[in-house]
Amino acid sequence: MSPIGQCIVAFFFGSIVGLLVQRSRFCNTAALRDAMLFKTYRNTKALLVAMMILTLGFTTFLTFGEGNPLHFDVGLNQVMGLFLFGIGMVLAGACTVSTWVKAGEGNVGAIWALLFTFIGMFLFSLLWSFSYWPPAPGTMTGEPNLSGLQLGYTNAATLQEKFGIPAILFGLVQFAVLLGIFRAIRHKEQRTEQAASARMTAAAEQRTVAD
C-alpha cells in the first residue's frame, strides 16, 4: 500500500475509533476512579471487555503469528513511569484518550492538560538524552542502576520462549480471571438493582396503605 493509501486508511480508522470513544465516553481513569469512589462500573466493564479481547488477540499472535521472537525491555523505571502517569491521569481527571476527546469538544482544562503532556515529554526527552546515555535498553542488565533508576533486563524473553509454554495458555488464564471479575461486577449490580427495586416497591405499598 502506498503512503497516501496508508494515511487514508489511518484517517478513517482513527475517525471511527475517535467517534466510538467520544460517543461511549470511555475513559481508563474513570474505569478505576468511578468503581472505587462512586461504585459505578460502566467504564470498568468496558475496560474489562477490552482487556479480554486484547489479551486473547495478543497471546494468539504471540503463539501463532510473527510475535514468537518478540522481546521486551522491562525494569523498575517502567513501574515508576506508569505510577507517575497514573497520578497525572487522576489529577487531569481523564486518561490520554479521553483528554484528546475532551480537547476536541473544546474543554479548556483538557487542552491545557494535553499541551503540558507534550511539553513534559519533550523536556524529559532532553533530560534523559543528556543524563542517561546510552538509552535504557543498553543499561538494563538485571543489576541495580540507581543513577538511572533502573532494575531490569533488556530483551527479556517471553514466558513462551523461556518455558516453552504457548502464550495462548497464559492468555486464557488471564481471560478467565478478567471474565470472573466482570461476572462479579454484573452480579453485584444485579443485587443492587434488586435491592433498589424492592425498596421502591415497599415505598409504593406504604403510600398505598397510607392513602
N, C-alpha and C. Protein backbone atom coordinates (compact mmCIF):
# COMPACT_ATOMS: atom_id res chain seq x y z
N MET A 1 0.85 -1.19 0.00
CA MET A 1 0.00 0.00 0.00
C MET A 1 0.88 1.24 0.00
N SER A 2 0.50 2.23 -0.77
CA SER A 2 1.28 3.45 -0.87
C SER A 2 1.15 4.27 0.40
N PRO A 3 2.09 5.20 0.64
CA PRO A 3 1.98 6.06 1.83
C PRO A 3 0.67 6.84 1.89
N ILE A 4 0.19 7.28 0.72
CA ILE A 4 -1.08 8.01 0.70
C ILE A 4 -2.23 7.10 1.12
N GLY A 5 -2.20 5.87 0.60
CA GLY A 5 -3.23 4.91 0.98
C GLY A 5 -3.20 4.60 2.47
N GLN A 6 -1.99 4.47 3.02
CA GLN A 6 -1.86 4.22 4.46
C GLN A 6 -2.43 5.39 5.26
N CYS A 7 -2.17 6.61 4.80
CA CYS A 7 -2.69 7.79 5.50
C CYS A 7 -4.22 7.82 5.45
N ILE A 8 -4.79 7.44 4.31
CA ILE A 8 -6.25 7.44 4.17
C ILE A 8 -6.87 6.39 5.10
N VAL A 9 -6.27 5.19 5.11
CA VAL A 9 -6.78 4.13 5.99
C VAL A 9 -6.66 4.55 7.45
N ALA A 10 -5.50 5.13 7.81
CA ALA A 10 -5.30 5.58 9.19
C ALA A 10 -6.30 6.67 9.57
N PHE A 11 -6.59 7.56 8.62
CA PHE A 11 -7.54 8.64 8.89
C PHE A 11 -8.94 8.08 9.17
N PHE A 12 -9.40 7.16 8.33
CA PHE A 12 -10.74 6.61 8.52
C PHE A 12 -10.80 5.75 9.78
N PHE A 13 -9.75 4.95 10.01
CA PHE A 13 -9.74 4.11 11.21
C PHE A 13 -9.71 4.98 12.46
N GLY A 14 -8.87 6.00 12.46
CA GLY A 14 -8.80 6.90 13.61
C GLY A 14 -10.10 7.65 13.84
N SER A 15 -10.77 8.03 12.75
CA SER A 15 -12.04 8.73 12.86
C SER A 15 -13.11 7.84 13.49
N ILE A 16 -13.14 6.58 13.06
CA ILE A 16 -14.13 5.64 13.61
C ILE A 16 -13.87 5.39 15.09
N VAL A 17 -12.59 5.15 15.44
CA VAL A 17 -12.25 4.92 16.84
C VAL A 17 -12.56 6.15 17.68
N GLY A 18 -12.21 7.33 17.16
CA GLY A 18 -12.49 8.56 17.89
C GLY A 18 -13.98 8.76 18.12
N LEU A 19 -14.79 8.45 17.09
CA LEU A 19 -16.23 8.59 17.23
C LEU A 19 -16.77 7.63 18.29
N LEU A 20 -16.28 6.39 18.27
CA LEU A 20 -16.74 5.41 19.25
C LEU A 20 -16.36 5.82 20.67
N VAL A 21 -15.13 6.31 20.84
CA VAL A 21 -14.68 6.73 22.17
C VAL A 21 -15.49 7.94 22.64
N GLN A 22 -15.75 8.87 21.73
CA GLN A 22 -16.49 10.08 22.11
C GLN A 22 -17.93 9.75 22.48
N ARG A 23 -18.56 8.88 21.71
CA ARG A 23 -19.96 8.57 21.98
C ARG A 23 -20.12 7.67 23.20
N SER A 24 -19.15 6.80 23.43
CA SER A 24 -19.24 5.88 24.56
C SER A 24 -18.76 6.50 25.86
N ARG A 25 -18.04 7.64 25.77
CA ARG A 25 -17.45 8.30 26.94
C ARG A 25 -16.50 7.36 27.69
N PHE A 26 -15.79 6.54 26.93
CA PHE A 26 -14.87 5.59 27.55
C PHE A 26 -13.65 6.32 28.10
N CYS A 27 -13.21 5.91 29.29
CA CYS A 27 -12.05 6.54 29.92
C CYS A 27 -11.40 5.54 30.87
N ASN A 28 -10.10 5.32 30.70
CA ASN A 28 -9.39 4.39 31.59
C ASN A 28 -9.38 4.89 33.03
N THR A 29 -9.22 6.19 33.20
CA THR A 29 -9.21 6.75 34.56
C THR A 29 -10.55 6.55 35.23
N ALA A 30 -11.62 6.86 34.51
CA ALA A 30 -12.96 6.70 35.08
C ALA A 30 -13.27 5.25 35.40
N ALA A 31 -12.68 4.32 34.64
CA ALA A 31 -12.93 2.90 34.88
C ALA A 31 -12.52 2.50 36.29
N LEU A 32 -11.44 3.07 36.79
CA LEU A 32 -10.97 2.75 38.14
C LEU A 32 -11.52 3.72 39.17
N ARG A 33 -11.51 5.03 38.83
CA ARG A 33 -11.96 6.05 39.78
C ARG A 33 -13.42 5.87 40.15
N ASP A 34 -14.28 5.69 39.14
CA ASP A 34 -15.71 5.58 39.41
C ASP A 34 -16.04 4.32 40.20
N ALA A 35 -15.30 3.24 39.92
CA ALA A 35 -15.56 2.00 40.65
C ALA A 35 -15.19 2.14 42.13
N MET A 36 -14.10 2.83 42.41
CA MET A 36 -13.63 2.93 43.80
C MET A 36 -14.36 4.02 44.57
N LEU A 37 -14.66 5.14 43.92
CA LEU A 37 -15.23 6.28 44.64
C LEU A 37 -16.75 6.33 44.58
N PHE A 38 -17.31 5.99 43.42
CA PHE A 38 -18.75 6.18 43.22
C PHE A 38 -19.52 4.87 43.07
N LYS A 39 -18.81 3.75 43.05
CA LYS A 39 -19.44 2.43 42.94
C LYS A 39 -20.27 2.29 41.67
N THR A 40 -19.82 2.94 40.60
CA THR A 40 -20.44 2.76 39.29
C THR A 40 -19.42 2.08 38.38
N TYR A 41 -19.89 1.16 37.56
CA TYR A 41 -18.96 0.25 36.88
C TYR A 41 -19.12 0.26 35.36
N ARG A 42 -19.72 1.29 34.81
CA ARG A 42 -19.94 1.31 33.36
C ARG A 42 -18.62 1.26 32.60
N ASN A 43 -17.70 2.17 32.92
CA ASN A 43 -16.40 2.19 32.25
C ASN A 43 -15.54 1.00 32.67
N THR A 44 -15.72 0.53 33.89
CA THR A 44 -14.94 -0.62 34.35
C THR A 44 -15.26 -1.85 33.52
N LYS A 45 -16.53 -2.07 33.25
CA LYS A 45 -16.92 -3.22 32.43
C LYS A 45 -16.39 -3.09 31.01
N ALA A 46 -16.44 -1.88 30.47
CA ALA A 46 -15.90 -1.67 29.12
C ALA A 46 -14.41 -1.94 29.08
N LEU A 47 -13.69 -1.51 30.12
CA LEU A 47 -12.25 -1.75 30.18
C LEU A 47 -11.95 -3.25 30.28
N LEU A 48 -12.72 -3.96 31.08
CA LEU A 48 -12.50 -5.40 31.22
C LEU A 48 -12.74 -6.13 29.90
N VAL A 49 -13.79 -5.75 29.19
CA VAL A 49 -14.07 -6.38 27.88
C VAL A 49 -12.92 -6.10 26.91
N ALA A 50 -12.45 -4.85 26.89
CA ALA A 50 -11.33 -4.51 26.01
C ALA A 50 -10.08 -5.32 26.37
N MET A 51 -9.82 -5.47 27.67
CA MET A 51 -8.64 -6.24 28.10
C MET A 51 -8.77 -7.70 27.72
N MET A 52 -9.98 -8.25 27.81
CA MET A 52 -10.17 -9.66 27.44
C MET A 52 -9.91 -9.86 25.95
N ILE A 53 -10.45 -8.96 25.13
CA ILE A 53 -10.25 -9.08 23.69
C ILE A 53 -8.77 -8.93 23.33
N LEU A 54 -8.12 -7.93 23.91
CA LEU A 54 -6.70 -7.69 23.62
C LEU A 54 -5.83 -8.83 24.11
N THR A 55 -6.17 -9.39 25.27
CA THR A 55 -5.38 -10.50 25.81
C THR A 55 -5.41 -11.70 24.88
N LEU A 56 -6.60 -12.07 24.44
CA LEU A 56 -6.71 -13.22 23.53
C LEU A 56 -6.03 -12.92 22.20
N GLY A 57 -6.24 -11.72 21.67
CA GLY A 57 -5.63 -11.38 20.39
C GLY A 57 -4.12 -11.35 20.45
N PHE A 58 -3.58 -10.73 21.51
CA PHE A 58 -2.13 -10.58 21.62
C PHE A 58 -1.45 -11.93 21.85
N THR A 59 -1.99 -12.74 22.75
CA THR A 59 -1.35 -14.02 23.03
C THR A 59 -1.52 -15.00 21.86
N THR A 60 -2.61 -14.87 21.12
CA THR A 60 -2.77 -15.68 19.91
C THR A 60 -1.72 -15.29 18.88
N PHE A 61 -1.48 -13.99 18.76
CA PHE A 61 -0.45 -13.51 17.83
C PHE A 61 0.93 -14.01 18.24
N LEU A 62 1.20 -14.00 19.55
CA LEU A 62 2.49 -14.49 20.02
C LEU A 62 2.66 -15.98 19.74
N THR A 63 1.56 -16.73 19.85
CA THR A 63 1.64 -18.18 19.70
C THR A 63 1.71 -18.61 18.24
N PHE A 64 0.88 -18.01 17.40
CA PHE A 64 0.76 -18.49 16.03
C PHE A 64 1.27 -17.52 14.98
N GLY A 65 1.49 -16.26 15.35
CA GLY A 65 1.88 -15.27 14.36
C GLY A 65 3.36 -14.99 14.38
N GLU A 66 3.71 -13.80 13.96
CA GLU A 66 5.11 -13.41 13.88
C GLU A 66 5.62 -12.85 15.20
N GLY A 67 4.85 -13.01 16.25
CA GLY A 67 5.25 -12.48 17.54
C GLY A 67 6.12 -13.40 18.34
N ASN A 68 6.45 -14.59 17.80
CA ASN A 68 7.26 -15.53 18.57
C ASN A 68 8.60 -14.98 19.02
N PRO A 69 9.35 -14.24 18.17
CA PRO A 69 10.64 -13.73 18.63
C PRO A 69 10.55 -12.42 19.40
N LEU A 70 9.34 -12.00 19.77
CA LEU A 70 9.15 -10.71 20.41
C LEU A 70 9.80 -10.68 21.79
N HIS A 71 10.62 -9.65 22.03
CA HIS A 71 11.26 -9.45 23.32
C HIS A 71 10.84 -8.11 23.88
N PHE A 72 11.00 -7.94 25.19
CA PHE A 72 10.59 -6.71 25.85
C PHE A 72 11.73 -6.18 26.70
N ASP A 73 11.71 -4.87 26.92
CA ASP A 73 12.62 -4.24 27.87
C ASP A 73 11.80 -3.92 29.12
N VAL A 74 12.13 -4.54 30.23
CA VAL A 74 11.34 -4.38 31.45
C VAL A 74 12.26 -3.93 32.57
N GLY A 75 11.73 -3.08 33.46
CA GLY A 75 12.55 -2.61 34.56
C GLY A 75 11.77 -1.74 35.53
N LEU A 76 12.45 -1.35 36.60
CA LEU A 76 11.85 -0.52 37.63
C LEU A 76 11.44 0.84 37.08
N ASN A 77 12.19 1.33 36.10
CA ASN A 77 11.85 2.63 35.52
C ASN A 77 10.47 2.62 34.88
N GLN A 78 10.07 1.48 34.33
CA GLN A 78 8.73 1.39 33.75
C GLN A 78 7.66 1.46 34.83
N VAL A 79 7.90 0.78 35.95
CA VAL A 79 6.94 0.80 37.05
C VAL A 79 6.76 2.22 37.57
N MET A 80 7.88 2.93 37.76
CA MET A 80 7.80 4.30 38.26
C MET A 80 7.13 5.21 37.25
N GLY A 81 7.43 5.01 35.97
CA GLY A 81 6.82 5.84 34.94
C GLY A 81 5.32 5.64 34.87
N LEU A 82 4.88 4.40 34.95
CA LEU A 82 3.44 4.12 34.92
C LEU A 82 2.74 4.68 36.16
N PHE A 83 3.42 4.61 37.31
CA PHE A 83 2.84 5.15 38.54
C PHE A 83 2.65 6.67 38.43
N LEU A 84 3.68 7.36 37.94
CA LEU A 84 3.59 8.81 37.78
C LEU A 84 2.54 9.17 36.73
N PHE A 85 2.47 8.37 35.68
CA PHE A 85 1.47 8.62 34.64
C PHE A 85 0.06 8.47 35.20
N GLY A 86 -0.12 7.46 36.08
CA GLY A 86 -1.43 7.27 36.70
C GLY A 86 -1.81 8.45 37.59
N ILE A 87 -0.84 8.99 38.34
CA ILE A 87 -1.12 10.17 39.16
C ILE A 87 -1.53 11.34 38.28
N GLY A 88 -0.82 11.50 37.17
CA GLY A 88 -1.16 12.59 36.25
C GLY A 88 -2.57 12.44 35.68
N MET A 89 -2.97 11.21 35.37
CA MET A 89 -4.32 10.99 34.84
C MET A 89 -5.38 11.39 35.86
N VAL A 90 -5.14 11.03 37.13
CA VAL A 90 -6.12 11.35 38.16
C VAL A 90 -6.21 12.87 38.35
N LEU A 91 -5.05 13.54 38.38
CA LEU A 91 -5.06 14.99 38.56
C LEU A 91 -5.71 15.69 37.37
N ALA A 92 -5.49 15.16 36.17
CA ALA A 92 -6.09 15.76 34.98
C ALA A 92 -7.57 15.41 34.85
N GLY A 93 -8.00 14.38 35.57
CA GLY A 93 -9.40 13.98 35.51
C GLY A 93 -9.76 13.14 34.31
N ALA A 94 -8.75 12.66 33.59
CA ALA A 94 -9.03 11.85 32.40
C ALA A 94 -7.75 11.17 31.95
N CYS A 95 -7.91 10.08 31.21
CA CYS A 95 -6.75 9.44 30.59
C CYS A 95 -6.40 10.18 29.31
N THR A 96 -5.34 9.76 28.66
CA THR A 96 -4.90 10.46 27.45
C THR A 96 -5.96 10.40 26.35
N VAL A 97 -6.61 9.24 26.22
CA VAL A 97 -7.62 9.09 25.17
C VAL A 97 -8.77 10.07 25.37
N SER A 98 -9.34 10.07 26.57
CA SER A 98 -10.47 10.96 26.82
C SER A 98 -10.04 12.42 26.87
N THR A 99 -8.76 12.67 27.19
CA THR A 99 -8.27 14.05 27.13
C THR A 99 -8.30 14.57 25.71
N TRP A 100 -7.90 13.72 24.75
CA TRP A 100 -7.99 14.10 23.34
C TRP A 100 -9.44 14.40 22.97
N VAL A 101 -10.35 13.53 23.41
CA VAL A 101 -11.77 13.72 23.08
C VAL A 101 -12.29 15.02 23.67
N LYS A 102 -12.00 15.26 24.95
CA LYS A 102 -12.48 16.48 25.60
C LYS A 102 -11.87 17.72 24.98
N ALA A 103 -10.60 17.62 24.59
CA ALA A 103 -9.96 18.76 23.93
C ALA A 103 -10.65 19.07 22.61
N GLY A 104 -11.01 18.01 21.87
CA GLY A 104 -11.72 18.21 20.62
C GLY A 104 -13.10 18.80 20.82
N GLU A 105 -13.69 18.55 21.99
CA GLU A 105 -15.00 19.12 22.30
C GLU A 105 -14.91 20.55 22.80
N GLY A 106 -13.67 21.03 23.01
CA GLY A 106 -13.50 22.41 23.45
C GLY A 106 -13.28 22.58 24.94
N ASN A 107 -13.03 21.49 25.67
CA ASN A 107 -12.79 21.58 27.10
C ASN A 107 -11.43 22.23 27.35
N VAL A 108 -11.43 23.40 27.99
CA VAL A 108 -10.20 24.17 28.17
C VAL A 108 -9.22 23.42 29.07
N GLY A 109 -9.72 22.80 30.14
CA GLY A 109 -8.84 22.05 31.03
C GLY A 109 -8.13 20.92 30.32
N ALA A 110 -8.86 20.22 29.44
CA ALA A 110 -8.25 19.12 28.68
C ALA A 110 -7.20 19.64 27.71
N ILE A 111 -7.45 20.80 27.12
CA ILE A 111 -6.47 21.39 26.20
C ILE A 111 -5.18 21.71 26.94
N TRP A 112 -5.30 22.29 28.14
CA TRP A 112 -4.11 22.58 28.93
C TRP A 112 -3.38 21.29 29.33
N ALA A 113 -4.14 20.28 29.74
CA ALA A 113 -3.52 19.00 30.12
C ALA A 113 -2.78 18.39 28.94
N LEU A 114 -3.37 18.46 27.76
CA LEU A 114 -2.73 17.91 26.57
C LEU A 114 -1.48 18.69 26.20
N LEU A 115 -1.56 20.01 26.31
CA LEU A 115 -0.41 20.86 25.99
C LEU A 115 0.78 20.54 26.89
N PHE A 116 0.52 20.46 28.20
CA PHE A 116 1.63 20.22 29.12
C PHE A 116 2.08 18.76 29.09
N THR A 117 1.25 17.86 28.58
CA THR A 117 1.72 16.49 28.33
C THR A 117 2.84 16.51 27.30
N PHE A 118 2.62 17.23 26.21
CA PHE A 118 3.63 17.34 25.17
C PHE A 118 4.88 18.04 25.68
N ILE A 119 4.69 19.12 26.43
CA ILE A 119 5.83 19.86 26.96
C ILE A 119 6.64 18.98 27.91
N GLY A 120 5.94 18.26 28.78
CA GLY A 120 6.64 17.38 29.72
C GLY A 120 7.41 16.29 29.03
N MET A 121 6.82 15.66 28.01
CA MET A 121 7.54 14.61 27.29
C MET A 121 8.76 15.16 26.57
N PHE A 122 8.63 16.36 26.01
CA PHE A 122 9.76 16.96 25.30
C PHE A 122 10.90 17.29 26.26
N LEU A 123 10.57 17.91 27.40
CA LEU A 123 11.61 18.26 28.37
C LEU A 123 12.27 17.02 28.94
N PHE A 124 11.48 15.98 29.21
CA PHE A 124 12.07 14.76 29.76
C PHE A 124 12.98 14.09 28.73
N SER A 125 12.60 14.15 27.45
CA SER A 125 13.45 13.55 26.43
C SER A 125 14.81 14.24 26.39
N LEU A 126 14.82 15.55 26.59
CA LEU A 126 16.10 16.27 26.63
C LEU A 126 16.91 15.86 27.86
N LEU A 127 16.25 15.77 29.01
CA LEU A 127 16.94 15.39 30.24
C LEU A 127 17.49 13.99 30.15
N TRP A 128 16.69 13.06 29.61
CA TRP A 128 17.12 11.67 29.52
C TRP A 128 18.31 11.53 28.58
N SER A 129 18.24 12.18 27.44
CA SER A 129 19.33 12.08 26.47
C SER A 129 20.62 12.66 27.03
N PHE A 130 20.50 13.71 27.84
CA PHE A 130 21.70 14.37 28.37
C PHE A 130 22.28 13.62 29.56
N SER A 131 21.41 13.07 30.42
CA SER A 131 21.88 12.50 31.68
C SER A 131 22.14 11.00 31.62
N TYR A 132 21.33 10.27 30.86
CA TYR A 132 21.42 8.81 30.87
C TYR A 132 21.65 8.30 29.46
N TRP A 133 22.88 8.22 29.08
CA TRP A 133 23.22 7.70 27.76
C TRP A 133 24.27 6.62 27.94
N PRO A 134 24.14 5.45 27.34
CA PRO A 134 23.16 5.07 26.32
C PRO A 134 21.76 4.92 26.88
N PRO A 135 20.77 4.81 25.99
CA PRO A 135 19.37 4.70 26.43
C PRO A 135 19.15 3.50 27.33
N ALA A 136 17.98 3.46 27.92
CA ALA A 136 17.66 2.46 28.93
C ALA A 136 17.96 1.02 28.51
N PRO A 137 17.54 0.56 27.32
CA PRO A 137 17.78 -0.84 26.98
C PRO A 137 19.25 -1.24 27.02
N GLY A 138 20.15 -0.28 26.79
CA GLY A 138 21.56 -0.61 26.80
C GLY A 138 22.13 -0.78 28.19
N THR A 139 21.43 -0.30 29.22
CA THR A 139 21.96 -0.37 30.58
C THR A 139 21.12 -1.26 31.49
N MET A 140 20.06 -1.84 30.98
CA MET A 140 19.21 -2.70 31.80
C MET A 140 19.76 -4.12 31.76
N THR A 141 20.63 -4.42 32.70
CA THR A 141 21.34 -5.70 32.70
C THR A 141 20.85 -6.64 33.79
N GLY A 142 19.93 -6.18 34.62
CA GLY A 142 19.48 -7.01 35.73
C GLY A 142 20.13 -6.61 37.04
N GLU A 143 21.15 -5.77 36.98
CA GLU A 143 21.81 -5.27 38.18
C GLU A 143 21.27 -3.89 38.53
N PRO A 144 21.26 -3.54 39.82
CA PRO A 144 20.76 -2.21 40.21
C PRO A 144 21.55 -1.10 39.53
N ASN A 145 20.85 -0.12 39.03
CA ASN A 145 21.46 1.06 38.42
C ASN A 145 20.74 2.26 39.00
N LEU A 146 21.18 2.69 40.20
CA LEU A 146 20.46 3.73 40.92
C LEU A 146 20.51 5.07 40.20
N SER A 147 21.60 5.34 39.51
CA SER A 147 21.69 6.63 38.82
C SER A 147 20.65 6.74 37.71
N GLY A 148 20.34 5.61 37.09
CA GLY A 148 19.33 5.61 36.03
C GLY A 148 17.98 5.14 36.51
N LEU A 149 17.86 4.87 37.84
CA LEU A 149 16.61 4.38 38.41
C LEU A 149 16.11 3.15 37.67
N GLN A 150 17.03 2.23 37.41
CA GLN A 150 16.68 1.05 36.64
C GLN A 150 17.03 -0.22 37.42
N LEU A 151 16.20 -1.20 37.25
CA LEU A 151 16.46 -2.53 37.79
C LEU A 151 15.68 -3.49 36.91
N GLY A 152 16.28 -3.89 35.81
CA GLY A 152 15.52 -4.71 34.88
C GLY A 152 16.41 -5.41 33.89
N TYR A 153 15.81 -5.87 32.82
CA TYR A 153 16.50 -6.65 31.82
C TYR A 153 16.17 -6.12 30.43
N THR A 154 17.15 -6.14 29.58
CA THR A 154 16.91 -5.79 28.20
C THR A 154 16.65 -7.05 27.40
N ASN A 155 15.80 -6.96 26.40
CA ASN A 155 15.44 -8.11 25.57
C ASN A 155 14.96 -9.29 26.41
N ALA A 156 14.10 -9.00 27.39
CA ALA A 156 13.58 -10.06 28.24
C ALA A 156 12.73 -11.02 27.41
N ALA A 157 12.97 -12.31 27.59
CA ALA A 157 12.25 -13.31 26.83
C ALA A 157 10.82 -13.45 27.35
N THR A 158 9.92 -13.81 26.47
CA THR A 158 8.55 -14.08 26.89
C THR A 158 8.50 -15.42 27.62
N LEU A 159 7.43 -15.63 28.39
CA LEU A 159 7.28 -16.91 29.08
C LEU A 159 7.20 -18.07 28.09
N GLN A 160 6.63 -17.79 26.92
CA GLN A 160 6.54 -18.83 25.90
C GLN A 160 7.93 -19.28 25.47
N GLU A 161 8.81 -18.32 25.25
CA GLU A 161 10.16 -18.66 24.80
C GLU A 161 11.00 -19.24 25.92
N LYS A 162 10.77 -18.76 27.14
CA LYS A 162 11.60 -19.19 28.27
C LYS A 162 11.24 -20.60 28.74
N PHE A 163 9.93 -20.89 28.78
CA PHE A 163 9.50 -22.18 29.32
C PHE A 163 8.90 -23.11 28.28
N GLY A 164 8.71 -22.62 27.07
CA GLY A 164 8.14 -23.46 26.02
C GLY A 164 6.64 -23.66 26.12
N ILE A 165 5.98 -22.90 26.98
CA ILE A 165 4.53 -23.00 27.13
C ILE A 165 3.88 -21.98 26.20
N PRO A 166 2.94 -22.38 25.35
CA PRO A 166 2.32 -21.43 24.42
C PRO A 166 1.71 -20.24 25.16
N ALA A 167 1.92 -19.06 24.61
CA ALA A 167 1.42 -17.85 25.24
C ALA A 167 -0.09 -17.84 25.37
N ILE A 168 -0.76 -18.54 24.46
CA ILE A 168 -2.22 -18.54 24.48
C ILE A 168 -2.75 -19.15 25.78
N LEU A 169 -1.99 -20.07 26.40
CA LEU A 169 -2.43 -20.65 27.67
C LEU A 169 -2.43 -19.59 28.77
N PHE A 170 -1.37 -18.77 28.81
CA PHE A 170 -1.36 -17.68 29.79
C PHE A 170 -2.48 -16.68 29.48
N GLY A 171 -2.73 -16.48 28.18
CA GLY A 171 -3.81 -15.58 27.80
C GLY A 171 -5.17 -16.09 28.25
N LEU A 172 -5.38 -17.39 28.14
CA LEU A 172 -6.65 -17.96 28.57
C LEU A 172 -6.83 -17.85 30.08
N VAL A 173 -5.74 -18.02 30.82
CA VAL A 173 -5.82 -17.87 32.28
C VAL A 173 -6.19 -16.43 32.64
N GLN A 174 -5.51 -15.48 32.00
CA GLN A 174 -5.81 -14.07 32.27
C GLN A 174 -7.23 -13.73 31.83
N PHE A 175 -7.65 -14.29 30.70
CA PHE A 175 -9.02 -14.07 30.22
C PHE A 175 -10.03 -14.57 31.24
N ALA A 176 -9.76 -15.75 31.82
CA ALA A 176 -10.68 -16.32 32.81
C ALA A 176 -10.76 -15.44 34.05
N VAL A 177 -9.61 -14.90 34.48
CA VAL A 177 -9.60 -14.02 35.65
C VAL A 177 -10.40 -12.75 35.37
N LEU A 178 -10.17 -12.14 34.21
CA LEU A 178 -10.89 -10.92 33.85
C LEU A 178 -12.39 -11.19 33.71
N LEU A 179 -12.73 -12.34 33.13
CA LEU A 179 -14.14 -12.70 32.99
C LEU A 179 -14.78 -12.90 34.36
N GLY A 180 -14.03 -13.49 35.29
CA GLY A 180 -14.55 -13.66 36.64
C GLY A 180 -14.82 -12.33 37.32
N ILE A 181 -13.91 -11.36 37.13
CA ILE A 181 -14.13 -10.03 37.69
C ILE A 181 -15.35 -9.37 37.06
N PHE A 182 -15.47 -9.53 35.74
CA PHE A 182 -16.62 -8.95 35.03
C PHE A 182 -17.93 -9.53 35.55
N ARG A 183 -17.98 -10.85 35.72
CA ARG A 183 -19.20 -11.50 36.19
C ARG A 183 -19.51 -11.10 37.63
N ALA A 184 -18.46 -10.91 38.45
CA ALA A 184 -18.68 -10.49 39.83
C ALA A 184 -19.29 -9.09 39.88
N ILE A 185 -18.81 -8.21 39.00
CA ILE A 185 -19.37 -6.85 38.93
C ILE A 185 -20.83 -6.89 38.49
N ARG A 186 -21.12 -7.70 37.46
CA ARG A 186 -22.50 -7.81 37.00
C ARG A 186 -23.41 -8.37 38.10
N HIS A 187 -22.90 -9.36 38.83
CA HIS A 187 -23.69 -9.94 39.92
C HIS A 187 -23.96 -8.90 41.00
N LYS A 188 -22.95 -8.09 41.30
CA LYS A 188 -23.12 -7.04 42.31
C LYS A 188 -24.13 -6.00 41.83
N GLU A 189 -24.06 -5.63 40.56
CA GLU A 189 -25.02 -4.67 40.01
C GLU A 189 -26.44 -5.21 40.07
N GLN A 190 -26.60 -6.49 39.76
CA GLN A 190 -27.94 -7.09 39.79
C GLN A 190 -28.50 -7.10 41.21
N ARG A 191 -27.64 -7.40 42.20
CA ARG A 191 -28.11 -7.37 43.58
C ARG A 191 -28.51 -5.96 43.99
N THR A 192 -27.72 -4.97 43.56
CA THR A 192 -28.04 -3.58 43.88
C THR A 192 -29.35 -3.16 43.24
N GLU A 193 -29.55 -3.56 41.97
CA GLU A 193 -30.79 -3.23 41.28
C GLU A 193 -31.99 -3.89 41.94
N GLN A 194 -31.83 -5.14 42.35
CA GLN A 194 -32.93 -5.84 43.02
C GLN A 194 -33.27 -5.18 44.35
N ALA A 195 -32.23 -4.78 45.09
CA ALA A 195 -32.47 -4.12 46.37
C ALA A 195 -33.18 -2.78 46.17
N ALA A 196 -32.74 -2.03 45.15
CA ALA A 196 -33.38 -0.74 44.87
C ALA A 196 -34.83 -0.94 44.44
N SER A 197 -35.07 -1.97 43.63
CA SER A 197 -36.44 -2.26 43.19
C SER A 197 -37.32 -2.65 44.37
N ALA A 198 -36.75 -3.44 45.29
CA ALA A 198 -37.52 -3.85 46.46
C ALA A 198 -37.86 -2.65 47.34
N ARG A 199 -36.92 -1.72 47.49
CA ARG A 199 -37.19 -0.52 48.29
C ARG A 199 -38.27 0.33 47.64
N MET A 200 -38.22 0.47 46.32
CA MET A 200 -39.24 1.25 45.63
C MET A 200 -40.61 0.61 45.76
N THR A 201 -40.65 -0.72 45.67
CA THR A 201 -41.93 -1.43 45.81
C THR A 201 -42.49 -1.26 47.21
N ALA A 202 -41.60 -1.37 48.21
CA ALA A 202 -42.05 -1.21 49.59
C ALA A 202 -42.56 0.20 49.84
N ALA A 203 -41.86 1.19 49.28
CA ALA A 203 -42.30 2.58 49.45
C ALA A 203 -43.65 2.81 48.79
N ALA A 204 -43.84 2.22 47.60
CA ALA A 204 -45.12 2.38 46.90
C ALA A 204 -46.25 1.73 47.69
N GLU A 205 -45.98 0.57 48.28
CA GLU A 205 -47.01 -0.11 49.08
C GLU A 205 -47.36 0.71 50.31
N GLN A 206 -46.35 1.33 50.93
CA GLN A 206 -46.62 2.15 52.10
C GLN A 206 -47.48 3.36 51.74
N ARG A 207 -47.21 3.97 50.59
CA ARG A 207 -48.02 5.10 50.17
C ARG A 207 -49.46 4.67 49.88
N THR A 208 -49.59 3.46 49.30
CA THR A 208 -50.93 2.95 49.00
C THR A 208 -51.72 2.72 50.28
N VAL A 209 -51.05 2.14 51.29
CA VAL A 209 -51.72 1.88 52.57
C VAL A 209 -52.10 3.19 53.24
N ALA A 210 -51.20 4.18 53.15
CA ALA A 210 -51.47 5.47 53.78
C ALA A 210 -52.65 6.17 53.13
N ASP A 211 -52.79 6.00 51.82
CA ASP A 211 -53.92 6.62 51.12
C ASP A 211 -55.22 5.91 51.47
